[in-house]
N, C-alpha and C. Protein backbone atom coordinates (compact mmCIF):
# COMPACT_ATOMS: atom_id res chain seq x y z
N UNK A 1 -12.68 30.34 30.09
CA UNK A 1 -11.47 29.67 29.67
C UNK A 1 -11.85 28.49 28.78
N UNK A 2 -11.24 28.41 27.62
CA UNK A 2 -11.57 27.32 26.69
C UNK A 2 -10.68 26.12 26.95
N UNK A 3 -11.25 24.97 26.67
CA UNK A 3 -10.50 23.73 26.81
C UNK A 3 -9.59 23.57 25.61
N UNK A 4 -8.37 23.10 25.81
CA UNK A 4 -7.49 22.87 24.65
C UNK A 4 -8.06 21.74 23.79
N UNK A 5 -7.94 21.92 22.50
CA UNK A 5 -8.40 20.90 21.56
C UNK A 5 -7.43 19.72 21.58
N UNK A 6 -7.96 18.50 21.59
CA UNK A 6 -7.05 17.35 21.53
C UNK A 6 -6.27 17.37 20.22
N UNK A 7 -5.03 16.96 20.31
CA UNK A 7 -4.19 16.91 19.12
C UNK A 7 -4.63 15.75 18.24
N UNK A 8 -4.75 16.03 16.97
CA UNK A 8 -5.15 14.99 16.03
C UNK A 8 -3.97 14.06 15.76
N UNK A 9 -4.29 12.80 15.56
CA UNK A 9 -3.24 11.84 15.21
C UNK A 9 -2.86 12.05 13.75
N UNK A 10 -1.73 11.50 13.39
CA UNK A 10 -1.30 11.55 11.99
C UNK A 10 -2.36 10.92 11.09
N UNK A 11 -2.92 9.80 11.53
CA UNK A 11 -3.95 9.14 10.74
C UNK A 11 -5.17 10.04 10.55
N UNK A 12 -5.61 10.70 11.62
CA UNK A 12 -6.77 11.60 11.50
C UNK A 12 -6.50 12.73 10.51
N UNK A 13 -5.30 13.28 10.57
CA UNK A 13 -4.95 14.35 9.63
C UNK A 13 -4.96 13.82 8.19
N UNK A 14 -4.39 12.64 7.99
CA UNK A 14 -4.37 12.06 6.64
C UNK A 14 -5.78 11.72 6.16
N UNK A 15 -6.63 11.26 7.06
CA UNK A 15 -8.02 10.98 6.68
C UNK A 15 -8.72 12.27 6.24
N UNK A 16 -8.43 13.36 6.92
CA UNK A 16 -9.01 14.65 6.52
C UNK A 16 -8.49 15.08 5.15
N UNK A 17 -7.19 14.92 4.93
CA UNK A 17 -6.61 15.25 3.62
C UNK A 17 -7.25 14.40 2.52
N UNK A 18 -7.41 13.10 2.80
CA UNK A 18 -7.99 12.19 1.81
C UNK A 18 -9.44 12.55 1.52
N UNK A 19 -10.17 12.97 2.54
CA UNK A 19 -11.57 13.37 2.32
C UNK A 19 -11.63 14.64 1.48
N UNK A 20 -10.67 15.55 1.70
CA UNK A 20 -10.65 16.80 0.94
C UNK A 20 -10.17 16.61 -0.49
N UNK A 21 -9.25 15.67 -0.69
CA UNK A 21 -8.69 15.41 -2.02
C UNK A 21 -8.70 13.90 -2.27
N UNK A 22 -9.87 13.33 -2.53
CA UNK A 22 -9.98 11.87 -2.63
C UNK A 22 -9.24 11.25 -3.82
N UNK A 23 -8.85 12.06 -4.79
CA UNK A 23 -8.15 11.52 -5.96
C UNK A 23 -6.63 11.69 -5.87
N UNK A 24 -6.13 12.24 -4.76
CA UNK A 24 -4.69 12.47 -4.63
C UNK A 24 -4.00 11.16 -4.27
N UNK A 25 -3.18 10.62 -5.16
CA UNK A 25 -2.59 9.31 -4.89
C UNK A 25 -1.63 9.32 -3.70
N UNK A 26 -0.85 10.39 -3.51
CA UNK A 26 0.10 10.38 -2.40
C UNK A 26 -0.62 10.35 -1.06
N UNK A 27 -1.72 11.08 -0.94
CA UNK A 27 -2.47 11.08 0.32
C UNK A 27 -3.02 9.69 0.61
N UNK A 28 -3.58 9.03 -0.40
CA UNK A 28 -4.08 7.67 -0.21
C UNK A 28 -2.97 6.72 0.19
N UNK A 29 -1.82 6.87 -0.45
CA UNK A 29 -0.65 6.04 -0.15
C UNK A 29 -0.20 6.27 1.29
N UNK A 30 -0.08 7.54 1.68
CA UNK A 30 0.37 7.87 3.03
C UNK A 30 -0.61 7.35 4.07
N UNK A 31 -1.90 7.46 3.79
CA UNK A 31 -2.91 6.97 4.72
C UNK A 31 -2.83 5.45 4.85
N UNK A 32 -2.65 4.76 3.74
CA UNK A 32 -2.52 3.30 3.78
C UNK A 32 -1.29 2.89 4.59
N UNK A 33 -0.17 3.58 4.37
CA UNK A 33 1.04 3.27 5.12
C UNK A 33 0.85 3.52 6.61
N UNK A 34 0.21 4.64 6.95
CA UNK A 34 -0.01 4.97 8.35
C UNK A 34 -0.88 3.90 9.01
N UNK A 35 -1.91 3.44 8.33
CA UNK A 35 -2.75 2.38 8.88
C UNK A 35 -1.92 1.10 9.08
N UNK A 36 -1.10 0.76 8.11
CA UNK A 36 -0.26 -0.43 8.22
C UNK A 36 0.71 -0.29 9.38
N UNK A 37 1.32 0.88 9.51
CA UNK A 37 2.33 1.09 10.55
C UNK A 37 1.74 1.12 11.95
N UNK A 38 0.45 1.41 12.07
CA UNK A 38 -0.19 1.44 13.38
C UNK A 38 -0.98 0.17 13.66
N UNK A 39 -0.85 -0.83 12.80
CA UNK A 39 -1.44 -2.13 13.06
C UNK A 39 -2.86 -2.34 12.57
N UNK A 40 -3.40 -1.38 11.82
CA UNK A 40 -4.76 -1.55 11.28
C UNK A 40 -4.65 -2.09 9.85
N UNK A 41 -4.33 -3.36 9.76
CA UNK A 41 -4.08 -3.98 8.46
C UNK A 41 -5.29 -3.95 7.55
N UNK A 42 -6.47 -4.17 8.09
CA UNK A 42 -7.68 -4.16 7.26
C UNK A 42 -7.88 -2.80 6.60
N UNK A 43 -7.73 -1.72 7.37
CA UNK A 43 -7.87 -0.38 6.80
C UNK A 43 -6.75 -0.11 5.79
N UNK A 44 -5.55 -0.56 6.10
CA UNK A 44 -4.43 -0.36 5.17
C UNK A 44 -4.72 -1.03 3.83
N UNK A 45 -5.18 -2.26 3.88
CA UNK A 45 -5.49 -2.99 2.64
C UNK A 45 -6.58 -2.27 1.87
N UNK A 46 -7.60 -1.80 2.58
CA UNK A 46 -8.70 -1.08 1.92
C UNK A 46 -8.16 0.18 1.22
N UNK A 47 -7.30 0.93 1.90
CA UNK A 47 -6.76 2.16 1.31
C UNK A 47 -5.83 1.85 0.14
N UNK A 48 -5.00 0.81 0.27
CA UNK A 48 -4.15 0.41 -0.85
C UNK A 48 -5.00 -0.02 -2.05
N UNK A 49 -6.06 -0.78 -1.78
CA UNK A 49 -6.95 -1.22 -2.87
C UNK A 49 -7.58 -0.02 -3.58
N UNK A 50 -8.02 0.97 -2.79
CA UNK A 50 -8.59 2.19 -3.38
C UNK A 50 -7.55 2.90 -4.23
N UNK A 51 -6.36 3.07 -3.66
CA UNK A 51 -5.27 3.72 -4.38
C UNK A 51 -4.99 3.03 -5.72
N UNK A 52 -4.84 1.72 -5.68
CA UNK A 52 -4.42 0.99 -6.89
C UNK A 52 -5.55 0.87 -7.90
N UNK A 53 -6.80 0.90 -7.45
CA UNK A 53 -7.90 0.88 -8.42
C UNK A 53 -8.01 2.23 -9.13
N UNK A 54 -7.71 3.31 -8.41
CA UNK A 54 -7.79 4.65 -9.00
C UNK A 54 -6.52 5.03 -9.77
N UNK A 55 -5.38 4.49 -9.32
CA UNK A 55 -4.08 4.85 -9.89
C UNK A 55 -3.29 3.56 -10.12
N UNK A 56 -3.64 2.80 -11.16
CA UNK A 56 -3.04 1.48 -11.36
C UNK A 56 -1.55 1.48 -11.66
N UNK A 57 -0.96 2.64 -11.91
CA UNK A 57 0.48 2.69 -12.15
C UNK A 57 1.25 3.25 -10.96
N UNK A 58 0.63 3.31 -9.78
CA UNK A 58 1.31 3.79 -8.57
C UNK A 58 2.13 2.63 -8.01
N UNK A 59 3.30 2.45 -8.57
CA UNK A 59 4.11 1.25 -8.36
C UNK A 59 4.42 0.98 -6.90
N UNK A 60 4.79 2.00 -6.14
CA UNK A 60 5.14 1.75 -4.74
C UNK A 60 3.97 1.24 -3.92
N UNK A 61 2.75 1.52 -4.36
CA UNK A 61 1.58 0.99 -3.67
C UNK A 61 1.55 -0.53 -3.72
N UNK A 62 1.88 -1.08 -4.88
CA UNK A 62 1.92 -2.54 -5.01
C UNK A 62 2.99 -3.14 -4.11
N UNK A 63 4.15 -2.50 -4.10
CA UNK A 63 5.25 -3.03 -3.29
C UNK A 63 4.89 -3.03 -1.82
N UNK A 64 4.35 -1.91 -1.32
CA UNK A 64 4.01 -1.82 0.09
C UNK A 64 2.85 -2.75 0.46
N UNK A 65 1.86 -2.87 -0.41
CA UNK A 65 0.76 -3.80 -0.15
C UNK A 65 1.27 -5.24 -0.17
N UNK A 66 2.13 -5.56 -1.11
CA UNK A 66 2.72 -6.89 -1.15
C UNK A 66 3.50 -7.20 0.11
N UNK A 67 4.26 -6.22 0.60
CA UNK A 67 5.02 -6.39 1.84
C UNK A 67 4.07 -6.62 3.03
N UNK A 68 2.97 -5.87 3.05
CA UNK A 68 1.99 -6.05 4.12
C UNK A 68 1.41 -7.46 4.09
N UNK A 69 1.03 -7.91 2.90
CA UNK A 69 0.50 -9.28 2.79
C UNK A 69 1.55 -10.30 3.25
N UNK A 70 2.81 -10.05 2.93
CA UNK A 70 3.87 -10.96 3.37
C UNK A 70 3.94 -10.99 4.90
N UNK A 71 3.88 -9.82 5.55
CA UNK A 71 3.93 -9.76 7.01
C UNK A 71 2.73 -10.47 7.63
N UNK A 72 1.61 -10.47 6.92
CA UNK A 72 0.39 -11.14 7.41
C UNK A 72 0.35 -12.63 7.03
N UNK A 73 1.42 -13.11 6.37
CA UNK A 73 1.50 -14.50 5.88
C UNK A 73 0.39 -14.83 4.90
N UNK A 74 -0.04 -13.83 4.16
CA UNK A 74 -1.04 -14.02 3.10
C UNK A 74 -0.27 -14.07 1.78
N UNK A 75 0.44 -15.18 1.60
CA UNK A 75 1.41 -15.30 0.53
C UNK A 75 0.81 -15.29 -0.87
N UNK A 76 -0.35 -15.88 -1.04
CA UNK A 76 -0.98 -15.88 -2.36
C UNK A 76 -1.31 -14.45 -2.78
N UNK A 77 -1.90 -13.68 -1.86
CA UNK A 77 -2.22 -12.28 -2.18
C UNK A 77 -0.95 -11.46 -2.39
N UNK A 78 0.09 -11.76 -1.61
CA UNK A 78 1.36 -11.06 -1.79
C UNK A 78 1.89 -11.30 -3.19
N UNK A 79 1.88 -12.57 -3.61
CA UNK A 79 2.39 -12.91 -4.95
C UNK A 79 1.57 -12.21 -6.04
N UNK A 80 0.26 -12.23 -5.89
CA UNK A 80 -0.61 -11.60 -6.90
C UNK A 80 -0.36 -10.09 -6.96
N UNK A 81 -0.26 -9.47 -5.80
CA UNK A 81 -0.05 -8.02 -5.74
C UNK A 81 1.31 -7.64 -6.32
N UNK A 82 2.34 -8.36 -5.93
CA UNK A 82 3.68 -8.05 -6.43
C UNK A 82 3.79 -8.31 -7.93
N UNK A 83 3.12 -9.34 -8.42
CA UNK A 83 3.11 -9.61 -9.86
C UNK A 83 2.44 -8.46 -10.61
N UNK A 84 1.33 -7.98 -10.08
CA UNK A 84 0.66 -6.82 -10.69
C UNK A 84 1.57 -5.59 -10.61
N UNK A 85 2.31 -5.47 -9.53
CA UNK A 85 3.25 -4.36 -9.38
C UNK A 85 4.37 -4.41 -10.40
N UNK A 86 4.85 -5.60 -10.70
CA UNK A 86 5.89 -5.75 -11.71
C UNK A 86 5.36 -5.29 -13.07
N UNK A 87 4.12 -5.64 -13.37
CA UNK A 87 3.51 -5.19 -14.62
C UNK A 87 3.40 -3.67 -14.65
N UNK A 88 2.99 -3.06 -13.52
CA UNK A 88 2.90 -1.60 -13.45
C UNK A 88 4.28 -0.98 -13.60
N UNK A 89 5.27 -1.57 -12.97
CA UNK A 89 6.65 -1.06 -13.10
C UNK A 89 7.12 -1.14 -14.55
N UNK A 90 6.70 -2.19 -15.24
CA UNK A 90 7.04 -2.30 -16.66
C UNK A 90 6.39 -1.19 -17.48
N UNK A 91 5.14 -0.87 -17.15
CA UNK A 91 4.44 0.20 -17.88
C UNK A 91 5.07 1.56 -17.63
N UNK A 92 5.62 1.75 -16.43
CA UNK A 92 6.16 3.06 -16.08
C UNK A 92 7.68 3.14 -16.25
N UNK A 93 8.31 2.03 -16.62
CA UNK A 93 9.75 2.02 -16.84
C UNK A 93 10.56 2.01 -15.56
N UNK A 94 10.00 1.51 -14.48
CA UNK A 94 10.69 1.49 -13.19
C UNK A 94 11.33 0.12 -12.97
N UNK A 95 12.49 -0.07 -13.58
CA UNK A 95 13.17 -1.37 -13.51
C UNK A 95 13.60 -1.70 -12.08
N UNK A 96 14.00 -0.71 -11.31
CA UNK A 96 14.44 -0.96 -9.94
C UNK A 96 13.30 -1.53 -9.09
N UNK A 97 12.13 -0.94 -9.21
CA UNK A 97 10.97 -1.43 -8.45
C UNK A 97 10.61 -2.85 -8.90
N UNK A 98 10.68 -3.09 -10.20
CA UNK A 98 10.39 -4.43 -10.70
C UNK A 98 11.35 -5.46 -10.11
N UNK A 99 12.63 -5.09 -10.02
CA UNK A 99 13.63 -6.00 -9.44
C UNK A 99 13.34 -6.25 -7.96
N UNK A 100 12.98 -5.20 -7.22
CA UNK A 100 12.67 -5.37 -5.80
C UNK A 100 11.47 -6.28 -5.60
N UNK A 101 10.44 -6.11 -6.44
CA UNK A 101 9.25 -6.95 -6.30
C UNK A 101 9.53 -8.38 -6.73
N UNK A 102 10.37 -8.56 -7.74
CA UNK A 102 10.76 -9.92 -8.14
C UNK A 102 11.50 -10.61 -7.01
N UNK A 103 12.38 -9.88 -6.33
CA UNK A 103 13.12 -10.45 -5.20
C UNK A 103 12.17 -10.81 -4.07
N UNK A 104 11.16 -9.97 -3.85
CA UNK A 104 10.18 -10.27 -2.79
C UNK A 104 9.41 -11.54 -3.14
N UNK A 105 9.02 -11.67 -4.40
CA UNK A 105 8.31 -12.89 -4.82
C UNK A 105 9.20 -14.11 -4.62
N UNK A 106 10.46 -13.98 -4.97
CA UNK A 106 11.40 -15.10 -4.83
C UNK A 106 11.57 -15.53 -3.37
N UNK A 107 11.33 -14.60 -2.45
CA UNK A 107 11.49 -14.93 -1.02
C UNK A 107 10.25 -15.60 -0.44
N UNK A 108 9.16 -15.65 -1.19
CA UNK A 108 7.94 -16.29 -0.69
C UNK A 108 8.12 -17.80 -0.65
N UNK A 109 7.43 -18.47 0.27
CA UNK A 109 7.50 -19.94 0.31
C UNK A 109 7.06 -20.53 -1.03
N UNK A 110 7.75 -21.57 -1.47
CA UNK A 110 7.49 -22.17 -2.77
C UNK A 110 6.11 -22.78 -2.88
N UNK A 111 5.50 -23.15 -1.77
CA UNK A 111 4.19 -23.77 -1.79
C UNK A 111 3.06 -22.83 -2.13
N UNK A 112 3.35 -21.58 -2.35
CA UNK A 112 2.30 -20.61 -2.60
C UNK A 112 2.34 -20.09 -4.03
N UNK A 113 2.55 -20.99 -4.96
CA UNK A 113 2.53 -20.59 -6.37
C UNK A 113 1.11 -20.46 -6.82
N UNK A 114 0.90 -19.62 -7.83
CA UNK A 114 -0.46 -19.44 -8.37
C UNK A 114 -0.90 -20.67 -9.13
């Protein structure tokens, strides 16, 4: 009689997908979000950084990373990330995303200007 295989977590499945297709932006994005949602902020930041270095116009990556930095009270990094995201949104013509990131920047404490 064989032992049942333990069920893989969503993160483990995404890590396998990312290993199989390391250049797929959606897989990197999903993995970063999963890490953020499960409380592994360091891994989430690492995956977002990888995503954005490989795919600098992946606008939602900037927004989600900026939001993560905001939740971590890392306001300077949030502002820098969201500002870069606004530039990416400008390159891709995503005015809605640019507006959302501008609103997020406006909600940051004033003492954290660049």
